[in-house]
Amino acid sequence: MDMNAWWGLVDSARAAVGDRADDRDLPDDPLPEALVDVLAALEPAEIIDFYVKYVEVEDSAYRHSLCMAAYLIEGSCTSDGFMDFRGGLILLGRDTFGRAVENSDTLADLPTVTRMSRKEGGWIGYECVSYLISDAYQRIQGETDSLDAAVETALRDMARPDKPLGEEWNRDPEDTEQLRRRLPRLAALFLD
């Protein structure tokens, strides 16, 4: 599965839920189930491929700047919280994801982020997109052991980052001077 096809599946799920695709804080968030539906229409081997590509895409967002953006936006940058943030960022679609990986400060353009800065609700992160992939596989195969084994084998041969990519930051989220300098638009929303 190439990246265009992979992102096309994410975009199909987003299109199915329309204007409700960008906020994970909705009480009846429709996007997770829509993604499961899209993936469950695939062959088992395609779901395995989707999972492996998911890890690649998530790894590409393992960046210092996005970790600090997650801290500003969601108030935390723990390992699990940052993983959830990257998963939610993927669910925002290819264009938003690509802009954020290139320049994390572009997240200030998102209406959900603006609402969050005003404490009016909203959320970006999504805990364990991988569960959605497993749910789709379970729906068509009745089990996930073969998925887990295939993904584990594929990931064993994949080069994965062991530390955040990009220019290194002082990882002290209380360094507001650095945050204002490197993420000026997000800092203006969340620190001012």
C-alpha atoms as a PDB file:
ATOM      1  CA  MET A   1       0.000   0.000   0.000  1.00  0.00           C
ATOM      2  CA  ASP A   2       1.494   3.336  -0.982  1.00  0.00           C
ATOM      3  CA  MET A   3       1.079   6.537   1.003  1.00  0.00           C
ATOM      4  CA  ASN A   4      -1.534   7.984  -1.349  1.00  0.00           C
ATOM      5  CA  ALA A   5      -3.738   4.923  -0.888  1.00  0.00           C
ATOM      6  CA  TRP A   6      -3.096   4.951   2.861  1.00  0.00           C
ATOM      7  CA  TRP A   7      -4.071   8.599   3.278  1.00  0.00           C
ATOM      8  CA  GLY A   8      -7.017   7.985   0.940  1.00  0.00           C
ATOM      9  CA  LEU A   9      -8.448   5.554   3.499  1.00  0.00           C
ATOM     10  CA  VAL A  10      -8.102   8.122   6.289  1.00  0.00           C
ATOM     11  CA  ASP A  11      -9.700  10.734   4.036  1.00  0.00           C
ATOM     12  CA  SER A  12     -12.580   8.364   3.215  1.00  0.00           C
ATOM     13  CA  ALA A  13     -13.380   8.007   6.911  1.00  0.00           C
ATOM     14  CA  ARG A  14     -13.125  11.772   7.376  1.00  0.00           C
ATOM     15  CA  ALA A  15     -15.442  12.391   4.408  1.00  0.00           C
ATOM     16  CA  ALA A  16     -17.991   9.964   5.851  1.00  0.00           C
ATOM     17  CA  VAL A  17     -18.385  12.104   8.995  1.00  0.00           C
ATOM     18  CA  GLY A  18     -18.116  15.520   7.341  1.00  0.00           C
ATOM     19  CA  ASP A  19     -17.738  18.539   9.605  1.00  0.00           C
ATOM     20  CA  ARG A  20     -17.397  16.334  12.695  1.00  0.00           C
ATOM     21  CA  ALA A  21     -14.018  14.946  11.627  1.00  0.00           C
ATOM     22  CA  ASP A  22     -11.684  17.352  13.445  1.00  0.00           C
ATOM     23  CA  ASP A  23     -12.581  17.108  17.141  1.00  0.00           C
ATOM     24  CA  ARG A  24     -11.899  14.035  19.265  1.00  0.00           C
ATOM     25  CA  ASP A  25     -13.723  15.591  22.240  1.00  0.00           C
ATOM     26  CA  LEU A  26     -17.211  15.085  20.820  1.00  0.00           C
ATOM     27  CA  PRO A  27     -19.374  12.942  23.110  1.00  0.00           C
ATOM     28  CA  ASP A  28     -20.308  10.748  20.143  1.00  0.00           C
ATOM     29  CA  ASP A  29     -17.147  11.181  18.064  1.00  0.00           C
ATOM     30  CA  PRO A  30     -18.031   9.467  14.767  1.00  0.00           C
ATOM     31  CA  LEU A  31     -14.570   9.324  13.181  1.00  0.00           C
ATOM     32  CA  PRO A  32     -13.143   6.293  15.022  1.00  0.00           C
ATOM     33  CA  GLU A  33     -16.035   4.054  13.991  1.00  0.00           C
ATOM     34  CA  ALA A  34     -15.965   5.455  10.449  1.00  0.00           C
ATOM     35  CA  LEU A  35     -12.290   4.491  10.165  1.00  0.00           C
ATOM     36  CA  VAL A  36     -13.065   0.989  11.450  1.00  0.00           C
ATOM     37  CA  ASP A  37     -15.808   0.698   8.797  1.00  0.00           C
ATOM     38  CA  VAL A  38     -13.451   1.825   6.014  1.00  0.00           C
ATOM     39  CA  LEU A  39     -10.716  -0.576   7.114  1.00  0.00           C
ATOM     40  CA  ALA A  40     -13.118  -3.500   7.595  1.00  0.00           C
ATOM     41  CA  ALA A  41     -13.928  -3.286   3.874  1.00  0.00           C
ATOM     42  CA  LEU A  42     -10.297  -4.222   3.093  1.00  0.00           C
ATOM     43  CA  GLU A  43      -8.669  -7.624   2.781  1.00  0.00           C
ATOM     44  CA  PRO A  44      -6.786  -8.808   5.904  1.00  0.00           C
ATOM     45  CA  ALA A  45      -3.398  -8.299   4.188  1.00  0.00           C
ATOM     46  CA  GLU A  46      -4.367  -4.716   3.368  1.00  0.00           C
ATOM     47  CA  ILE A  47      -5.254  -4.043   7.005  1.00  0.00           C
ATOM     48  CA  ILE A  48      -1.839  -5.378   7.996  1.00  0.00           C
ATOM     49  CA  ASP A  49      -0.250  -3.043   5.442  1.00  0.00           C
ATOM     50  CA  PHE A  50      -2.341  -0.159   6.763  1.00  0.00           C
ATOM     51  CA  TYR A  51      -1.120  -0.867  10.306  1.00  0.00           C
ATOM     52  CA  VAL A  52       2.547  -0.959   9.256  1.00  0.00           C
ATOM     53  CA  LYS A  53       2.131   2.329   7.333  1.00  0.00           C
ATOM     54  CA  TYR A  54       0.374   3.802  10.369  1.00  0.00           C
ATOM     55  CA  VAL A  55       3.503   3.150  12.430  1.00  0.00           C
ATOM     56  CA  GLU A  56       5.652   4.781   9.722  1.00  0.00           C
ATOM     57  CA  VAL A  57       3.429   7.857   9.598  1.00  0.00           C
ATOM     58  CA  GLU A  58       3.251   8.131  13.382  1.00  0.00           C
ATOM     59  CA  ASP A  59       7.033   7.797  13.600  1.00  0.00           C
ATOM     60  CA  SER A  60       7.465  10.628  11.085  1.00  0.00           C
ATOM     61  CA  ALA A  61       5.708  12.921  13.582  1.00  0.00           C
ATOM     62  CA  TYR A  62       8.027  11.909  16.430  1.00  0.00           C
ATOM     63  CA  ARG A  63       9.599  15.375  16.538  1.00  0.00           C
ATOM     64  CA  HIS A  64      10.763  17.739  19.235  1.00  0.00           C
ATOM     65  CA  SER A  65       8.655  20.586  17.881  1.00  0.00           C
ATOM     66  CA  LEU A  66       5.448  18.522  17.867  1.00  0.00           C
ATOM     67  CA  CYS A  67       6.116  17.354  21.410  1.00  0.00           C
ATOM     68  CA  MET A  68       6.294  20.951  22.571  1.00  0.00           C
ATOM     69  CA  ALA A  69       3.197  21.813  20.521  1.00  0.00           C
ATOM     70  CA  ALA A  70       1.404  18.930  22.260  1.00  0.00           C
ATOM     71  CA  TYR A  71       2.491  20.358  25.599  1.00  0.00           C
ATOM     72  CA  LEU A  72       1.067  23.777  24.744  1.00  0.00           C
ATOM     73  CA  ILE A  73      -2.162  22.456  23.238  1.00  0.00           C
ATOM     74  CA  GLU A  74      -2.980  19.556  25.536  1.00  0.00           C
ATOM     75  CA  GLY A  75      -0.955  20.465  28.611  1.00  0.00           C
ATOM     76  CA  SER A  76       1.214  17.362  28.617  1.00  0.00           C
ATOM     77  CA  CYS A  77       4.081  15.749  26.763  1.00  0.00           C
ATOM     78  CA  THR A  78       4.353  12.330  28.405  1.00  0.00           C
ATOM     79  CA  SER A  79       5.310   9.423  26.134  1.00  0.00           C
ATOM     80  CA  ASP A  80       1.746   8.091  26.070  1.00  0.00           C
ATOM     81  CA  GLY A  81       0.231  11.549  25.708  1.00  0.00           C
ATOM     82  CA  PHE A  82       2.523  12.367  22.804  1.00  0.00           C
ATOM     83  CA  MET A  83       1.654   9.070  21.115  1.00  0.00           C
ATOM     84  CA  ASP A  84      -2.043   9.911  21.482  1.00  0.00           C
ATOM     85  CA  PHE A  85      -1.411  13.401  20.127  1.00  0.00           C
ATOM     86  CA  ARG A  86       0.330  12.007  17.043  1.00  0.00           C
ATOM     87  CA  GLY A  87      -2.510   9.529  16.504  1.00  0.00           C
ATOM     88  CA  GLY A  88      -5.058  12.329  16.679  1.00  0.00           C
ATOM     89  CA  LEU A  89      -2.927  14.438  14.367  1.00  0.00           C
ATOM     90  CA  ILE A  90      -3.070  11.639  11.794  1.00  0.00           C
ATOM     91  CA  LEU A  91      -6.867  11.582  12.088  1.00  0.00           C
ATOM     92  CA  LEU A  92      -6.865  15.264  11.086  1.00  0.00           C
ATOM     93  CA  GLY A  93      -5.873  14.181   7.576  1.00  0.00           C
ATOM     94  CA  ARG A  94      -2.883  14.341   5.293  1.00  0.00           C
ATOM     95  CA  ASP A  95      -2.789  18.101   4.697  1.00  0.00           C
ATOM     96  CA  THR A  96      -3.042  19.109   8.353  1.00  0.00           C
ATOM     97  CA  PHE A  97      -0.631  16.367   9.375  1.00  0.00           C
ATOM     98  CA  GLY A  98       1.925  17.326   6.728  1.00  0.00           C
ATOM     99  CA  ARG A  99       1.806  21.025   7.609  1.00  0.00           C
ATOM    100  CA  ALA A 100       2.202  20.245  11.322  1.00  0.00           C
ATOM    101  CA  VAL A 101       5.187  17.948  10.752  1.00  0.00           C
ATOM    102  CA  GLU A 102       6.790  20.630   8.582  1.00  0.00           C
ATOM    103  CA  ASN A 103       5.929  23.494  10.962  1.00  0.00           C
ATOM    104  CA  SER A 104       4.222  22.653  14.257  1.00  0.00           C
ATOM    105  CA  ASP A 105       3.099  26.244  14.727  1.00  0.00           C
ATOM    106  CA  THR A 106       0.540  25.783  11.904  1.00  0.00           C
ATOM    107  CA  LEU A 107      -1.612  23.928  14.428  1.00  0.00           C
ATOM    108  CA  ALA A 108      -2.632  27.408  15.634  1.00  0.00           C
ATOM    109  CA  ASP A 109      -4.780  27.591  12.467  1.00  0.00           C
ATOM    110  CA  LEU A 110      -7.098  24.789  13.578  1.00  0.00           C
ATOM    111  CA  PRO A 111     -10.498  25.840  14.967  1.00  0.00           C
ATOM    112  CA  THR A 112     -10.316  23.018  17.522  1.00  0.00           C
ATOM    113  CA  VAL A 113      -6.983  24.346  18.809  1.00  0.00           C
ATOM    114  CA  THR A 114      -8.397  27.873  19.035  1.00  0.00           C
ATOM    115  CA  ARG A 115     -11.372  26.557  21.047  1.00  0.00           C
ATOM    116  CA  MET A 116      -9.001  24.641  23.317  1.00  0.00           C
ATOM    117  CA  SER A 117      -6.932  27.772  23.946  1.00  0.00           C
ATOM    118  CA  ARG A 118     -10.131  29.527  25.131  1.00  0.00           C
ATOM    119  CA  LYS A 119     -11.086  26.510  27.244  1.00  0.00           C
ATOM    120  CA  GLU A 120     -14.203  26.035  25.119  1.00  0.00           C
ATOM    121  CA  GLY A 121     -13.720  22.304  24.596  1.00  0.00           C
ATOM    122  CA  GLY A 122     -12.126  20.307  21.857  1.00  0.00           C
ATOM    123  CA  TRP A 123      -9.307  17.787  21.707  1.00  0.00           C
ATOM    124  CA  ILE A 124      -6.695  16.675  19.181  1.00  0.00           C
ATOM    125  CA  GLY A 125      -5.238  13.488  20.663  1.00  0.00           C
ATOM    126  CA  TYR A 126      -6.746  10.075  20.184  1.00  0.00           C
ATOM    127  CA  GLU A 127      -5.715   7.165  22.355  1.00  0.00           C
ATOM    128  CA  CYS A 128      -4.503   4.248  20.318  1.00  0.00           C
ATOM    129  CA  VAL A 129      -5.515   4.495  16.679  1.00  0.00           C
ATOM    130  CA  SER A 130      -3.949   1.042  16.554  1.00  0.00           C
ATOM    131  CA  TYR A 131      -6.996  -0.286  18.450  1.00  0.00           C
ATOM    132  CA  LEU A 132      -9.210   0.887  15.589  1.00  0.00           C
ATOM    133  CA  ILE A 133      -7.083  -1.045  13.118  1.00  0.00           C
ATOM    134  CA  SER A 134      -7.293  -4.116  15.343  1.00  0.00           C
ATOM    135  CA  ASP A 135     -11.077  -3.691  15.656  1.00  0.00           C
ATOM    136  CA  ALA A 136     -11.433  -3.690  11.849  1.00  0.00           C
ATOM    137  CA  TYR A 137      -9.288  -6.798  11.555  1.00  0.00           C
ATOM    138  CA  GLN A 138     -11.238  -8.501  14.361  1.00  0.00           C
ATOM    139  CA  ARG A 139     -14.498  -7.681  12.580  1.00  0.00           C
ATOM    140  CA  ILE A 140     -13.500  -9.537   9.420  1.00  0.00           C
ATOM    141  CA  GLN A 141     -11.171 -12.222  10.789  1.00  0.00           C
ATOM    142  CA  GLY A 142     -12.677 -12.950  14.198  1.00  0.00           C
ATOM    143  CA  GLU A 143      -9.232 -12.694  15.817  1.00  0.00           C
ATOM    144  CA  THR A 144      -6.222 -10.387  15.984  1.00  0.00           C
ATOM    145  CA  ASP A 145      -3.374 -12.776  16.763  1.00  0.00           C
ATOM    146  CA  SER A 146      -2.412 -13.077  13.091  1.00  0.00           C
ATOM    147  CA  LEU A 147      -2.477  -9.267  12.758  1.00  0.00           C
ATOM    148  CA  ASP A 148      -0.257  -8.836  15.800  1.00  0.00           C
ATOM    149  CA  ALA A 149       2.228 -11.442  14.549  1.00  0.00           C
ATOM    150  CA  ALA A 150       2.402  -9.971  11.035  1.00  0.00           C
ATOM    151  CA  VAL A 151       2.853  -6.410  12.295  1.00  0.00           C
ATOM    152  CA  GLU A 152       5.493  -7.480  14.812  1.00  0.00           C
ATOM    153  CA  THR A 153       7.432  -9.228  12.043  1.00  0.00           C
ATOM    154  CA  ALA A 154       7.202  -6.198   9.727  1.00  0.00           C
ATOM    155  CA  LEU A 155       8.246  -3.761  12.435  1.00  0.00           C
ATOM    156  CA  ARG A 156      11.243  -5.872  13.398  1.00  0.00           C
ATOM    157  CA  ASP A 157      12.848  -4.980  10.053  1.00  0.00           C
ATOM    158  CA  MET A 158      11.840  -1.313  10.097  1.00  0.00           C
ATOM    159  CA  ALA A 159      14.216   1.433  11.182  1.00  0.00           C
ATOM    160  CA  ARG A 160      12.376   3.414  13.846  1.00  0.00           C
ATOM    161  CA  PRO A 161      13.505   6.563  15.667  1.00  0.00           C
ATOM    162  CA  ASP A 162      14.635   6.040  19.235  1.00  0.00           C
ATOM    163  CA  LYS A 163      14.498   9.761  20.016  1.00  0.00           C
ATOM    164  CA  PRO A 164      12.538  12.688  18.586  1.00  0.00           C
ATOM    165  CA  LEU A 165      13.541  13.846  15.117  1.00  0.00           C
ATOM    166  CA  GLY A 166      14.504  17.335  14.032  1.00  0.00           C
ATOM    167  CA  GLU A 167      16.345  20.096  15.772  1.00  0.00           C
ATOM    168  CA  GLU A 168      16.793  19.260  19.432  1.00  0.00           C
ATOM    169  CA  TRP A 169      14.966  21.385  21.982  1.00  0.00           C
ATOM    170  CA  ASN A 170      15.407  22.013  25.627  1.00  0.00           C
ATOM    171  CA  ARG A 171      12.619  19.645  26.670  1.00  0.00           C
ATOM    172  CA  ASP A 172      11.662  21.801  29.633  1.00  0.00           C
ATOM    173  CA  PRO A 173       8.051  22.745  28.871  1.00  0.00           C
ATOM    174  CA  GLU A 174       8.329  25.545  31.414  1.00  0.00           C
ATOM    175  CA  ASP A 175      10.884  27.314  29.209  1.00  0.00           C
ATOM    176  CA  THR A 176       8.317  29.804  27.945  1.00  0.00           C
ATOM    177  CA  GLU A 177      10.968  31.917  26.221  1.00  0.00           C
ATOM    178  CA  GLN A 178      11.866  28.972  23.978  1.00  0.00           C
ATOM    179  CA  LEU A 179       8.185  28.201  23.347  1.00  0.00           C
ATOM    180  CA  ARG A 180       7.473  31.798  22.361  1.00  0.00           C
ATOM    181  CA  ARG A 181      10.504  31.867  20.070  1.00  0.00           C
ATOM    182  CA  ARG A 182       9.947  28.527  18.351  1.00  0.00           C
ATOM    183  CA  LEU A 183       6.129  28.285  18.398  1.00  0.00           C
ATOM    184  CA  PRO A 184       5.065  31.940  18.480  1.00  0.00           C
ATOM    185  CA  ARG A 185       1.483  31.496  17.292  1.00  0.00           C
ATOM    186  CA  LEU A 186       0.695  28.591  19.602  1.00  0.00           C
ATOM    187  CA  ALA A 187       2.426  30.364  22.481  1.00  0.00           C
ATOM    188  CA  ALA A 188       0.281  33.446  21.856  1.00  0.00           C
ATOM    189  CA  LEU A 189      -2.843  31.283  22.071  1.00  0.00           C
ATOM    190  CA  PHE A 190      -1.907  29.266  25.146  1.00  0.00           C
ATOM    191  CA  LEU A 191       0.532  31.377  27.164  1.00  0.00           C
ATOM    192  CA  ASP A 192      -0.922  34.877  26.774  1.00  0.00           C
END
